[in-house]
Amino acid sequence: MSNSEKILKMISSFVEAGILTSEDLKKEISTSLKFQKENIVNKFDLVTKKEFQILKKLLEKQQKEINELKKKKSKKAKKS
């Protein structure tokens, strides 16, 4: 039995017993969805936009240095 089926059975039993009101049910579902969303986001190992921009600038700087070194190397090879 999957987790979603277990949750639905548990909620339906509470509703049948009159323990949960519609507001309680709404809060419970909302909380459950928030946790599921957080779990999915954590699995993707996402970064913030600021972190992405910093990494992008670092990569651009390194690529520029690589290109300059390649130019120097090709100039030395032509002279030899």
Protein backbone atom coordinates (compact mmCIF):
# COMPACT_ATOMS: atom_id res chain seq x y z
CA MET A 1 0.00 0.00 0.00
CA SER A 2 1.46 3.36 -0.98
CA ASN A 3 1.91 6.29 1.37
CA SER A 4 -0.81 8.30 -0.35
CA GLU A 5 -3.30 5.46 0.11
CA LYS A 6 -2.39 5.19 3.79
CA ILE A 7 -2.85 8.92 4.27
CA LEU A 8 -6.21 8.91 2.49
CA LYS A 9 -7.45 5.95 4.55
CA MET A 10 -6.32 7.63 7.77
CA ILE A 11 -8.00 10.92 6.84
CA SER A 12 -11.20 9.20 5.75
CA SER A 13 -11.36 7.26 9.03
CA PHE A 14 -10.96 10.50 10.99
CA VAL A 15 -13.67 12.20 8.95
CA GLU A 16 -16.01 9.26 9.43
CA ALA A 17 -15.40 9.34 13.16
CA GLY A 18 -16.12 13.08 13.17
CA ILE A 19 -12.73 13.88 14.65
CA LEU A 20 -11.65 16.15 11.79
CA THR A 21 -13.50 19.17 10.54
CA SER A 22 -13.11 20.51 7.01
CA GLU A 23 -10.64 23.14 8.29
CA ASP A 24 -8.54 20.46 9.98
CA LEU A 25 -8.60 18.44 6.79
CA LYS A 26 -7.51 21.47 4.77
CA LYS A 27 -4.61 22.17 7.15
CA GLU A 28 -3.56 18.52 7.13
CA ILE A 29 -3.52 18.31 3.33
CA SER A 30 -1.69 21.64 3.06
CA THR A 31 0.97 20.51 5.51
CA SER A 32 1.40 17.19 3.74
CA LEU A 33 1.81 18.89 0.36
CA LYS A 34 4.38 21.32 1.77
CA PHE A 35 6.49 18.46 3.10
CA GLN A 36 6.25 16.60 -0.20
CA LYS A 37 7.28 19.75 -2.10
CA GLU A 38 10.28 20.27 0.20
CA ASN A 39 11.35 16.64 -0.23
CA ILE A 40 11.19 16.92 -4.02
CA VAL A 41 13.12 20.19 -4.04
CA ASN A 42 15.79 18.72 -1.77
CA LYS A 43 16.21 15.72 -4.06
CA PHE A 44 16.96 18.02 -7.01
CA ASP A 45 19.79 19.70 -5.06
CA LEU A 46 18.87 23.14 -6.42
CA VAL A 47 20.92 26.30 -5.94
CA THR A 48 19.79 29.85 -5.42
CA LYS A 49 19.92 32.40 -8.22
CA LYS A 50 22.70 34.27 -6.40
CA GLU A 51 24.82 31.11 -6.13
CA PHE A 52 24.21 30.39 -9.81
CA GLN A 53 25.31 33.89 -10.84
CA ILE A 54 28.51 33.59 -8.79
CA LEU A 55 29.34 30.22 -10.35
CA LYS A 56 28.59 31.61 -13.80
CA LYS A 57 31.02 34.51 -13.28
CA LEU A 58 33.70 32.12 -12.02
CA LEU A 59 33.24 29.91 -15.06
CA GLU A 60 33.44 32.89 -17.42
CA LYS A 61 36.66 34.06 -15.73
CA GLN A 62 38.22 30.60 -15.98
CA GLN A 63 37.21 30.27 -19.63
CA LYS A 64 38.81 33.63 -20.40
CA GLU A 65 42.04 32.52 -18.70
CA ILE A 66 42.01 29.24 -20.65
CA ASN A 67 41.56 31.10 -23.92
CA GLU A 68 44.45 33.45 -23.09
CA LEU A 69 46.71 30.50 -22.25
CA LYS A 70 45.77 28.81 -25.54
CA LYS A 71 46.68 31.99 -27.43
CA LYS A 72 50.05 32.20 -25.66
CA LYS A 73 50.72 28.53 -26.39
CA SER A 74 49.86 28.89 -30.08
CA LYS A 75 52.10 31.99 -30.38
CA LYS A 76 55.02 30.06 -28.83
CA ALA A 77 54.43 27.13 -31.17
CA LYS A 78 54.50 29.45 -34.22
CA LYS A 79 57.77 31.06 -33.10
CA SER A 80 59.51 27.71 -32.68
